[in-house]
Amino acid sequence: MEKKRCWITNNPIYIKYHDEEWGVPVHDDDLLFEFLALEGFQSGLNWELILNKREAFRKAFHDFDPKIVGNFDEEKINQLMKDPELIRNRAKILATVHNARLVNEIQKEYGSLNNYLWSFRNEKRTENICNNSTELPSETEESISMSNELKKRGFKFVGSKICYAFMQAVGMVNDHLVTCFRNNQIVNMKKI
């Protein structure tokens, strides 16, 4: 019997992402920064395109190590703008470099990016109960709060909808549909 998923796709990268990553709690700072950056790159595009380019992004941005990315200079940014494997949007590349510098500040202030970002969820995951994707919110009070706070710190490409998609991706929210085989698996994961 075929597994029921939240969305229909034949793309093996997208299927693997859904089955293994989406909604699983993430606490690694570099991976949190990666998802925040990729959600920003996704703005105005679609997630499948980002997933198809994810390995190129990881290579270009040194596995999203904020200490390295925060030191990118104009020469490096120009090099990234010429890379056909990436989304060559200068504003998004500059935002990623700028945001990396701010992540470094947060790590000094809070001990980790994880501590800071998960504070918007009070260290707990939300379990939404939805039968179809039209029932899912595109933003919540928490994502609006996260967006506002990140913007106050100077982050770019962190609107409330981007923050909500980020929260879904890193498991702050479980938005797997009740008909999806992953829903119960995520629900039964150790509570955060």
N, C-alpha and C. Protein backbone atom coordinates (compact mmCIF):
# COMPACT_ATOMS: atom_id res chain seq x y z
N MET A 1 0.84 -1.18 0.00
CA MET A 1 0.00 0.00 0.00
C MET A 1 0.89 1.25 0.00
N GLU A 2 0.54 2.22 -0.83
CA GLU A 2 1.31 3.44 -0.94
C GLU A 2 1.08 4.34 0.28
N LYS A 3 2.16 4.97 0.74
CA LYS A 3 2.07 5.87 1.88
C LYS A 3 1.34 7.14 1.47
N LYS A 4 0.48 7.64 2.35
CA LYS A 4 -0.19 8.91 2.11
C LYS A 4 0.67 10.02 2.70
N ARG A 5 0.90 11.04 1.88
CA ARG A 5 1.72 12.17 2.29
C ARG A 5 0.90 13.45 2.26
N CYS A 6 1.48 14.50 2.78
CA CYS A 6 0.82 15.80 2.83
C CYS A 6 0.66 16.43 1.45
N TRP A 7 1.57 16.13 0.56
CA TRP A 7 1.50 16.68 -0.79
C TRP A 7 1.89 15.60 -1.78
N ILE A 8 1.47 15.81 -3.01
CA ILE A 8 1.74 14.83 -4.07
C ILE A 8 2.92 15.33 -4.90
N THR A 9 3.91 14.47 -5.03
CA THR A 9 5.08 14.78 -5.85
C THR A 9 5.76 13.48 -6.25
N ASN A 10 6.43 13.51 -7.38
CA ASN A 10 7.24 12.38 -7.82
C ASN A 10 8.72 12.66 -7.65
N ASN A 11 9.06 13.85 -7.17
CA ASN A 11 10.45 14.26 -6.99
C ASN A 11 11.03 13.54 -5.78
N PRO A 12 12.02 12.65 -5.99
CA PRO A 12 12.57 11.89 -4.85
C PRO A 12 13.20 12.77 -3.77
N ILE A 13 13.75 13.93 -4.15
CA ILE A 13 14.34 14.84 -3.16
C ILE A 13 13.24 15.40 -2.26
N TYR A 14 12.13 15.77 -2.87
CA TYR A 14 11.00 16.33 -2.12
C TYR A 14 10.36 15.26 -1.23
N ILE A 15 10.23 14.05 -1.74
CA ILE A 15 9.67 12.94 -0.95
C ILE A 15 10.57 12.66 0.25
N LYS A 16 11.88 12.59 0.02
CA LYS A 16 12.83 12.33 1.12
C LYS A 16 12.75 13.43 2.17
N TYR A 17 12.66 14.68 1.71
CA TYR A 17 12.54 15.81 2.64
C TYR A 17 11.28 15.66 3.49
N HIS A 18 10.16 15.39 2.84
CA HIS A 18 8.90 15.21 3.57
C HIS A 18 8.98 14.06 4.56
N ASP A 19 9.50 12.94 4.11
CA ASP A 19 9.50 11.72 4.92
C ASP A 19 10.52 11.73 6.05
N GLU A 20 11.60 12.51 5.91
CA GLU A 20 12.68 12.43 6.89
C GLU A 20 12.96 13.72 7.65
N GLU A 21 12.60 14.88 7.09
CA GLU A 21 12.99 16.13 7.72
C GLU A 21 11.84 17.03 8.16
N TRP A 22 10.87 17.24 7.27
CA TRP A 22 9.85 18.26 7.53
C TRP A 22 9.10 17.96 8.82
N GLY A 23 9.14 18.89 9.75
CA GLY A 23 8.42 18.73 11.01
C GLY A 23 9.21 18.06 12.11
N VAL A 24 10.42 17.60 11.81
CA VAL A 24 11.26 16.97 12.83
C VAL A 24 12.00 18.09 13.58
N PRO A 25 11.93 18.11 14.91
CA PRO A 25 12.60 19.18 15.66
C PRO A 25 14.10 19.26 15.39
N VAL A 26 14.55 20.48 15.08
CA VAL A 26 15.95 20.76 14.79
C VAL A 26 16.49 21.64 15.91
N HIS A 27 17.68 21.28 16.41
CA HIS A 27 18.30 22.07 17.47
C HIS A 27 19.75 22.42 17.16
N ASP A 28 20.23 22.05 15.98
CA ASP A 28 21.59 22.36 15.55
C ASP A 28 21.63 23.77 14.97
N ASP A 29 22.51 24.62 15.49
CA ASP A 29 22.55 26.02 15.05
C ASP A 29 22.78 26.18 13.55
N ASP A 30 23.73 25.43 13.00
CA ASP A 30 24.01 25.58 11.57
C ASP A 30 22.80 25.16 10.73
N LEU A 31 22.12 24.11 11.14
CA LEU A 31 20.94 23.65 10.39
C LEU A 31 19.78 24.63 10.55
N LEU A 32 19.64 25.20 11.73
CA LEU A 32 18.61 26.24 11.92
C LEU A 32 18.90 27.44 11.01
N PHE A 33 20.16 27.85 10.96
CA PHE A 33 20.52 28.97 10.09
C PHE A 33 20.28 28.59 8.63
N GLU A 34 20.61 27.35 8.26
CA GLU A 34 20.36 26.89 6.89
C GLU A 34 18.88 27.03 6.54
N PHE A 35 18.01 26.53 7.39
CA PHE A 35 16.58 26.61 7.09
C PHE A 35 16.10 28.05 7.03
N LEU A 36 16.59 28.90 7.92
CA LEU A 36 16.19 30.31 7.90
C LEU A 36 16.64 30.96 6.59
N ALA A 37 17.85 30.66 6.17
CA ALA A 37 18.37 31.22 4.91
C ALA A 37 17.61 30.67 3.71
N LEU A 38 17.39 29.37 3.68
CA LEU A 38 16.69 28.77 2.54
C LEU A 38 15.25 29.24 2.45
N GLU A 39 14.59 29.44 3.59
CA GLU A 39 13.22 29.98 3.55
C GLU A 39 13.24 31.38 2.95
N GLY A 40 14.28 32.16 3.25
CA GLY A 40 14.41 33.48 2.64
C GLY A 40 14.63 33.39 1.14
N PHE A 41 15.47 32.46 0.71
CA PHE A 41 15.68 32.26 -0.73
C PHE A 41 14.41 31.79 -1.42
N GLN A 42 13.58 31.05 -0.71
CA GLN A 42 12.35 30.51 -1.29
C GLN A 42 11.30 31.60 -1.53
N SER A 43 11.41 32.72 -0.86
CA SER A 43 10.43 33.80 -0.98
C SER A 43 10.16 34.13 -2.45
N GLY A 44 8.90 33.99 -2.85
CA GLY A 44 8.50 34.27 -4.22
C GLY A 44 8.73 33.11 -5.17
N LEU A 45 9.29 32.04 -4.68
CA LEU A 45 9.57 30.86 -5.50
C LEU A 45 8.85 29.67 -4.87
N ASN A 46 9.30 28.46 -5.15
CA ASN A 46 8.68 27.30 -4.50
C ASN A 46 9.75 26.46 -3.82
N TRP A 47 9.32 25.73 -2.81
CA TRP A 47 10.23 24.97 -1.97
C TRP A 47 10.92 23.85 -2.74
N GLU A 48 10.23 23.26 -3.70
CA GLU A 48 10.83 22.18 -4.47
C GLU A 48 12.07 22.68 -5.22
N LEU A 49 12.02 23.89 -5.76
CA LEU A 49 13.18 24.47 -6.44
C LEU A 49 14.34 24.61 -5.46
N ILE A 50 14.05 25.08 -4.25
CA ILE A 50 15.10 25.24 -3.24
C ILE A 50 15.71 23.89 -2.88
N LEU A 51 14.86 22.88 -2.67
CA LEU A 51 15.38 21.55 -2.34
C LEU A 51 16.27 21.00 -3.46
N ASN A 52 15.90 21.25 -4.70
CA ASN A 52 16.71 20.79 -5.82
C ASN A 52 18.09 21.45 -5.85
N LYS A 53 18.20 22.65 -5.28
CA LYS A 53 19.46 23.39 -5.26
C LYS A 53 20.14 23.35 -3.89
N ARG A 54 19.58 22.61 -2.98
CA ARG A 54 20.06 22.62 -1.59
C ARG A 54 21.53 22.24 -1.45
N GLU A 55 21.96 21.21 -2.13
CA GLU A 55 23.37 20.80 -2.01
C GLU A 55 24.30 21.87 -2.56
N ALA A 56 23.88 22.55 -3.62
CA ALA A 56 24.69 23.65 -4.15
C ALA A 56 24.76 24.80 -3.14
N PHE A 57 23.62 25.08 -2.49
CA PHE A 57 23.61 26.10 -1.44
C PHE A 57 24.55 25.73 -0.31
N ARG A 58 24.49 24.47 0.11
CA ARG A 58 25.35 24.02 1.21
C ARG A 58 26.83 24.19 0.86
N LYS A 59 27.17 23.83 -0.35
CA LYS A 59 28.56 23.97 -0.79
C LYS A 59 28.97 25.45 -0.84
N ALA A 60 28.13 26.26 -1.45
CA ALA A 60 28.45 27.68 -1.61
C ALA A 60 28.51 28.43 -0.28
N PHE A 61 27.67 28.02 0.67
CA PHE A 61 27.60 28.71 1.96
C PHE A 61 28.24 27.91 3.09
N HIS A 62 29.19 27.04 2.72
CA HIS A 62 30.00 26.31 3.71
C HIS A 62 29.14 25.65 4.79
N ASP A 63 28.16 24.88 4.32
CA ASP A 63 27.23 24.18 5.22
C ASP A 63 26.55 25.14 6.21
N PHE A 64 26.39 26.36 5.77
CA PHE A 64 25.69 27.39 6.54
C PHE A 64 26.30 27.61 7.93
N ASP A 65 27.62 27.57 7.96
CA ASP A 65 28.33 27.93 9.19
C ASP A 65 28.31 29.46 9.28
N PRO A 66 27.56 30.02 10.25
CA PRO A 66 27.42 31.48 10.29
C PRO A 66 28.74 32.22 10.51
N LYS A 67 29.70 31.58 11.15
CA LYS A 67 30.99 32.24 11.37
C LYS A 67 31.72 32.45 10.04
N ILE A 68 31.60 31.49 9.14
CA ILE A 68 32.24 31.62 7.82
C ILE A 68 31.42 32.55 6.93
N VAL A 69 30.11 32.32 6.86
CA VAL A 69 29.25 33.12 5.98
C VAL A 69 29.27 34.59 6.38
N GLY A 70 29.32 34.86 7.67
CA GLY A 70 29.35 36.24 8.14
C GLY A 70 30.59 37.00 7.70
N ASN A 71 31.62 36.28 7.27
CA ASN A 71 32.86 36.92 6.80
C ASN A 71 32.97 37.00 5.28
N PHE A 72 31.91 36.63 4.58
CA PHE A 72 31.95 36.76 3.11
C PHE A 72 32.15 38.23 2.75
N ASP A 73 33.04 38.45 1.79
CA ASP A 73 33.29 39.81 1.32
C ASP A 73 32.65 40.01 -0.06
N GLU A 74 32.85 41.20 -0.60
CA GLU A 74 32.24 41.54 -1.90
C GLU A 74 32.70 40.59 -3.00
N GLU A 75 33.95 40.20 -2.97
CA GLU A 75 34.47 39.26 -3.97
C GLU A 75 33.72 37.92 -3.92
N LYS A 76 33.51 37.42 -2.71
CA LYS A 76 32.79 36.16 -2.54
C LYS A 76 31.33 36.31 -2.98
N ILE A 77 30.71 37.41 -2.65
CA ILE A 77 29.32 37.66 -3.05
C ILE A 77 29.22 37.70 -4.58
N ASN A 78 30.17 38.36 -5.23
CA ASN A 78 30.17 38.40 -6.70
C ASN A 78 30.37 37.01 -7.29
N GLN A 79 31.18 36.21 -6.64
CA GLN A 79 31.38 34.82 -7.08
C GLN A 79 30.07 34.04 -6.99
N LEU A 80 29.34 34.21 -5.89
CA LEU A 80 28.05 33.52 -5.72
C LEU A 80 27.04 33.98 -6.77
N MET A 81 27.10 35.25 -7.13
CA MET A 81 26.18 35.78 -8.14
C MET A 81 26.42 35.16 -9.51
N LYS A 82 27.58 34.59 -9.73
CA LYS A 82 27.90 33.96 -11.02
C LYS A 82 27.64 32.46 -11.02
N ASP A 83 27.27 31.90 -9.87
CA ASP A 83 27.09 30.45 -9.75
C ASP A 83 25.71 30.05 -10.29
N PRO A 84 25.65 29.35 -11.42
CA PRO A 84 24.36 29.00 -12.02
C PRO A 84 23.56 27.98 -11.20
N GLU A 85 24.21 27.35 -10.22
CA GLU A 85 23.52 26.36 -9.38
C GLU A 85 22.68 27.01 -8.28
N LEU A 86 22.90 28.30 -8.05
CA LEU A 86 22.22 29.01 -6.97
C LEU A 86 21.08 29.86 -7.48
N ILE A 87 20.29 30.38 -6.55
CA ILE A 87 19.34 31.45 -6.86
C ILE A 87 20.18 32.72 -6.83
N ARG A 88 20.39 33.32 -7.98
CA ARG A 88 21.32 34.45 -8.07
C ARG A 88 20.58 35.77 -7.86
N ASN A 89 20.05 35.90 -6.68
CA ASN A 89 19.35 37.11 -6.28
C ASN A 89 20.25 37.84 -5.29
N ARG A 90 20.79 38.95 -5.72
CA ARG A 90 21.77 39.67 -4.90
C ARG A 90 21.22 40.04 -3.53
N ALA A 91 19.98 40.50 -3.48
CA ALA A 91 19.39 40.90 -2.20
C ALA A 91 19.32 39.71 -1.23
N LYS A 92 18.99 38.54 -1.75
CA LYS A 92 18.88 37.35 -0.90
C LYS A 92 20.26 36.85 -0.46
N ILE A 93 21.23 36.94 -1.33
CA ILE A 93 22.60 36.55 -0.96
C ILE A 93 23.14 37.51 0.10
N LEU A 94 22.96 38.81 -0.13
CA LEU A 94 23.42 39.81 0.85
C LEU A 94 22.71 39.62 2.19
N ALA A 95 21.41 39.31 2.14
CA ALA A 95 20.66 39.09 3.37
C ALA A 95 21.20 37.89 4.14
N THR A 96 21.58 36.83 3.44
CA THR A 96 22.12 35.64 4.09
C THR A 96 23.43 35.97 4.80
N VAL A 97 24.29 36.73 4.15
CA VAL A 97 25.56 37.14 4.76
C VAL A 97 25.30 38.04 5.97
N HIS A 98 24.42 39.01 5.77
CA HIS A 98 24.07 39.94 6.85
C HIS A 98 23.46 39.18 8.03
N ASN A 99 22.52 38.27 7.74
CA ASN A 99 21.86 37.50 8.80
C ASN A 99 22.85 36.60 9.54
N ALA A 100 23.86 36.09 8.83
CA ALA A 100 24.88 35.26 9.49
C ALA A 100 25.60 36.07 10.56
N ARG A 101 25.88 37.31 10.26
CA ARG A 101 26.55 38.17 11.25
C ARG A 101 25.67 38.36 12.48
N LEU A 102 24.37 38.50 12.25
CA LEU A 102 23.43 38.66 13.36
C LEU A 102 23.27 37.36 14.14
N VAL A 103 23.35 36.23 13.46
CA VAL A 103 23.31 34.94 14.15
C VAL A 103 24.49 34.83 15.10
N ASN A 104 25.65 35.27 14.65
CA ASN A 104 26.84 35.25 15.52
C ASN A 104 26.62 36.08 16.78
N GLU A 105 25.95 37.21 16.65
CA GLU A 105 25.64 38.05 17.82
C GLU A 105 24.66 37.33 18.75
N ILE A 106 23.64 36.70 18.18
CA ILE A 106 22.66 35.97 18.99
C ILE A 106 23.33 34.83 19.74
N GLN A 107 24.24 34.13 19.08
CA GLN A 107 24.94 33.02 19.74
C GLN A 107 25.72 33.52 20.95
N LYS A 108 26.33 34.69 20.83
CA LYS A 108 27.06 35.25 21.97
C LYS A 108 26.10 35.65 23.09
N GLU A 109 24.97 36.22 22.72
CA GLU A 109 24.01 36.72 23.70
C GLU A 109 23.22 35.59 24.38
N TYR A 110 22.78 34.60 23.61
CA TYR A 110 21.89 33.55 24.13
C TYR A 110 22.56 32.20 24.30
N GLY A 111 23.81 32.10 23.91
CA GLY A 111 24.50 30.81 24.00
C GLY A 111 24.36 29.98 22.76
N SER A 112 23.26 30.16 22.04
CA SER A 112 23.03 29.44 20.78
C SER A 112 21.86 30.06 20.03
N LEU A 113 21.84 29.86 18.73
CA LEU A 113 20.69 30.26 17.92
C LEU A 113 19.48 29.43 18.32
N ASN A 114 19.73 28.17 18.65
CA ASN A 114 18.67 27.27 19.10
C ASN A 114 17.92 27.85 20.30
N ASN A 115 18.66 28.28 21.31
CA ASN A 115 18.02 28.85 22.51
C ASN A 115 17.14 30.03 22.15
N TYR A 116 17.63 30.88 21.27
CA TYR A 116 16.89 32.08 20.90
C TYR A 116 15.63 31.72 20.11
N LEU A 117 15.77 30.96 19.04
CA LEU A 117 14.63 30.69 18.17
C LEU A 117 13.56 29.84 18.84
N TRP A 118 13.97 28.84 19.59
CA TRP A 118 12.98 27.98 20.25
C TRP A 118 12.26 28.71 21.38
N SER A 119 12.78 29.85 21.83
CA SER A 119 12.09 30.60 22.88
C SER A 119 10.74 31.13 22.38
N PHE A 120 10.57 31.26 21.08
CA PHE A 120 9.30 31.72 20.52
C PHE A 120 8.23 30.63 20.62
N ARG A 121 8.63 29.42 20.88
CA ARG A 121 7.69 28.31 21.04
C ARG A 121 7.66 27.83 22.49
N ASN A 122 8.29 28.55 23.38
CA ASN A 122 8.38 28.12 24.79
C ASN A 122 8.87 26.69 24.88
N GLU A 123 9.82 26.36 23.98
CA GLU A 123 10.46 25.03 23.96
C GLU A 123 9.49 23.89 23.62
N LYS A 124 8.28 24.21 23.16
CA LYS A 124 7.29 23.16 22.87
C LYS A 124 6.83 23.24 21.42
N ARG A 125 6.48 22.08 20.89
CA ARG A 125 5.99 21.97 19.52
C ARG A 125 4.47 22.10 19.53
N THR A 126 3.92 22.74 18.52
CA THR A 126 2.48 22.81 18.31
C THR A 126 2.07 21.67 17.41
N GLU A 127 1.02 20.96 17.79
CA GLU A 127 0.49 19.87 16.98
C GLU A 127 -0.83 20.34 16.36
N ASN A 128 -0.79 20.72 15.09
CA ASN A 128 -2.01 21.12 14.41
C ASN A 128 -2.73 19.88 13.90
N ILE A 129 -4.04 19.91 13.93
CA ILE A 129 -4.85 18.78 13.48
C ILE A 129 -5.63 19.25 12.27
N CYS A 130 -5.11 18.91 11.10
CA CYS A 130 -5.72 19.36 9.84
C CYS A 130 -5.92 18.18 8.90
N ASN A 131 -7.03 18.20 8.19
CA ASN A 131 -7.34 17.14 7.23
C ASN A 131 -6.86 17.46 5.83
N ASN A 132 -6.72 18.74 5.52
CA ASN A 132 -6.19 19.12 4.21
C ASN A 132 -5.41 20.41 4.34
N SER A 133 -4.59 20.67 3.35
CA SER A 133 -3.65 21.79 3.42
C SER A 133 -4.34 23.15 3.46
N THR A 134 -5.59 23.23 3.02
CA THR A 134 -6.28 24.52 3.06
C THR A 134 -6.60 24.95 4.49
N GLU A 135 -6.53 24.02 5.44
CA GLU A 135 -6.79 24.33 6.85
C GLU A 135 -5.55 24.87 7.56
N LEU A 136 -4.38 24.72 6.95
CA LEU A 136 -3.14 25.15 7.60
C LEU A 136 -3.01 26.67 7.56
N PRO A 137 -2.55 27.25 8.66
CA PRO A 137 -2.32 28.70 8.64
C PRO A 137 -1.07 29.03 7.83
N SER A 138 -0.99 30.27 7.37
CA SER A 138 0.23 30.72 6.69
C SER A 138 1.10 31.53 7.65
N GLU A 139 0.49 31.94 8.77
CA GLU A 139 1.21 32.65 9.82
C GLU A 139 0.42 32.49 11.12
N THR A 140 1.10 32.68 12.23
CA THR A 140 0.47 32.59 13.54
C THR A 140 0.99 33.72 14.41
N GLU A 141 0.43 33.86 15.59
CA GLU A 141 0.92 34.88 16.52
C GLU A 141 2.40 34.67 16.81
N GLU A 142 2.82 33.39 16.95
CA GLU A 142 4.21 33.09 17.23
C GLU A 142 5.12 33.48 16.07
N SER A 143 4.68 33.19 14.82
CA SER A 143 5.52 33.54 13.67
C SER A 143 5.58 35.05 13.47
N ILE A 144 4.50 35.74 13.79
CA ILE A 144 4.49 37.20 13.73
C ILE A 144 5.46 37.77 14.77
N SER A 145 5.42 37.20 15.98
CA SER A 145 6.32 37.64 17.04
C SER A 145 7.78 37.38 16.66
N MET A 146 8.05 36.17 16.15
CA MET A 146 9.41 35.83 15.72
C MET A 146 9.87 36.81 14.64
N SER A 147 9.03 37.04 13.65
CA SER A 147 9.37 37.95 12.56
C SER A 147 9.68 39.35 13.09
N ASN A 148 8.80 39.85 13.95
CA ASN A 148 9.00 41.20 14.49
C ASN A 148 10.31 41.32 15.26
N GLU A 149 10.60 40.31 16.08
CA GLU A 149 11.84 40.34 16.88
C GLU A 149 13.08 40.23 16.00
N LEU A 150 13.02 39.34 14.99
CA LEU A 150 14.16 39.21 14.08
C LEU A 150 14.38 40.51 13.31
N LYS A 151 13.29 41.13 12.86
CA LYS A 151 13.41 42.40 12.14
C LYS A 151 13.99 43.49 13.03
N LYS A 152 13.60 43.51 14.31
CA LYS A 152 14.15 44.51 15.24
C LYS A 152 15.66 44.35 15.36
N ARG A 153 16.12 43.12 15.26
CA ARG A 153 17.56 42.85 15.33
C ARG A 153 18.26 43.15 14.01
N GLY A 154 17.48 43.42 12.94
CA GLY A 154 18.05 43.76 11.65
C GLY A 154 18.03 42.65 10.62
N PHE A 155 17.44 41.49 10.95
CA PHE A 155 17.37 40.39 9.97
C PHE A 155 16.54 40.80 8.76
N LYS A 156 16.89 40.20 7.63
CA LYS A 156 16.18 40.46 6.37
C LYS A 156 15.58 39.15 5.85
N PHE A 157 14.51 39.28 5.06
CA PHE A 157 13.77 38.12 4.53
C PHE A 157 13.28 37.22 5.65
N VAL A 158 12.63 37.83 6.63
CA VAL A 158 12.10 37.09 7.77
C VAL A 158 10.68 37.55 8.09
N GLY A 159 9.85 37.68 7.06
CA GLY A 159 8.45 38.04 7.28
C GLY A 159 7.74 36.94 8.05
N SER A 160 6.54 37.23 8.52
CA SER A 160 5.81 36.28 9.37
C SER A 160 5.48 34.98 8.64
N LYS A 161 5.24 35.04 7.34
CA LYS A 161 4.95 33.80 6.59
C LYS A 161 6.23 32.98 6.39
N ILE A 162 7.34 33.65 6.15
CA ILE A 162 8.62 32.96 6.05
C ILE A 162 8.94 32.31 7.40
N CYS A 163 8.70 33.04 8.49
CA CYS A 163 8.96 32.48 9.82
C CYS A 163 8.05 31.28 10.10
N TYR A 164 6.80 31.33 9.64
CA TYR A 164 5.93 30.18 9.87
C TYR A 164 6.41 28.97 9.08
N ALA A 165 6.80 29.17 7.83
CA ALA A 165 7.34 28.06 7.04
C ALA A 165 8.60 27.50 7.70
N PHE A 166 9.42 28.39 8.25
CA PHE A 166 10.61 27.96 9.00
C PHE A 166 10.20 27.11 10.20
N MET A 167 9.20 27.55 10.94
CA MET A 167 8.73 26.82 12.12
C MET A 167 8.22 25.43 11.74
N GLN A 168 7.55 25.34 10.60
CA GLN A 168 7.10 24.03 10.11
C GLN A 168 8.30 23.15 9.78
N ALA A 169 9.27 23.72 9.08
CA ALA A 169 10.42 22.95 8.62
C ALA A 169 11.24 22.38 9.77
N VAL A 170 11.43 23.19 10.83
CA VAL A 170 12.32 22.77 11.92
C VAL A 170 11.57 22.14 13.09
N GLY A 171 10.32 21.79 12.88
CA GLY A 171 9.58 21.03 13.88
C GLY A 171 9.05 21.82 15.06
N MET A 172 9.02 23.12 14.97
CA MET A 172 8.36 23.89 16.02
C MET A 172 6.85 23.69 15.93
N VAL A 173 6.41 23.34 14.74
CA VAL A 173 5.01 23.07 14.44
C VAL A 173 4.95 21.75 13.70
N ASN A 174 3.99 20.91 14.05
CA ASN A 174 3.73 19.70 13.28
C ASN A 174 2.51 19.96 12.42
N ASP A 175 2.72 20.22 11.15
CA ASP A 175 1.63 20.47 10.22
C ASP A 175 1.42 19.32 9.25
N HIS A 176 1.92 18.13 9.59
CA HIS A 176 1.59 16.97 8.78
C HIS A 176 0.10 16.72 8.92
N LEU A 177 -0.56 16.52 7.80
CA LEU A 177 -2.00 16.26 7.82
C LEU A 177 -2.29 14.98 8.58
N VAL A 178 -3.49 14.88 9.16
CA VAL A 178 -3.83 13.68 9.92
C VAL A 178 -3.86 12.44 9.04
N THR A 179 -4.05 12.62 7.76
CA THR A 179 -4.06 11.49 6.82
C THR A 179 -2.66 11.06 6.40
N CYS A 180 -1.65 11.85 6.76
CA CYS A 180 -0.26 11.58 6.37
C CYS A 180 0.37 10.57 7.32
N PHE A 181 1.12 9.64 6.77
CA PHE A 181 1.76 8.61 7.60
C PHE A 181 2.75 9.21 8.60
N ARG A 182 3.30 10.40 8.32
CA ARG A 182 4.28 11.01 9.22
C ARG A 182 3.65 11.69 10.43
N ASN A 183 2.37 12.00 10.35
CA ASN A 183 1.73 12.74 11.44
C ASN A 183 1.94 12.05 12.78
N ASN A 184 1.51 10.81 12.91
CA ASN A 184 1.65 10.11 14.19
C ASN A 184 3.10 9.90 14.58
N GLN A 185 3.97 9.69 13.59
CA GLN A 185 5.39 9.52 13.91
C GLN A 185 5.95 10.78 14.56
N ILE A 186 5.58 11.93 14.03
CA ILE A 186 6.04 13.20 14.60
C ILE A 186 5.40 13.43 15.97
N VAL A 187 4.10 13.18 16.07
CA VAL A 187 3.40 13.35 17.35
C VAL A 187 4.06 12.50 18.43
N ASN A 188 4.48 11.28 18.06
CA ASN A 188 5.05 10.36 19.05
C ASN A 188 6.52 10.58 19.34
N MET A 189 7.14 11.52 18.62
CA MET A 189 8.54 11.86 18.94
C MET A 189 8.57 12.49 20.32
N LYS A 190 9.71 12.36 20.95
CA LYS A 190 9.89 12.96 22.28
C LYS A 190 9.43 14.42 22.25
N LYS A 191 8.59 14.78 23.17
CA LYS A 191 8.12 16.16 23.24
C LYS A 191 9.28 17.09 23.57
N ILE A 192 9.29 18.20 22.94
CA ILE A 192 10.37 19.16 23.12
C ILE A 192 10.06 20.04 24.32
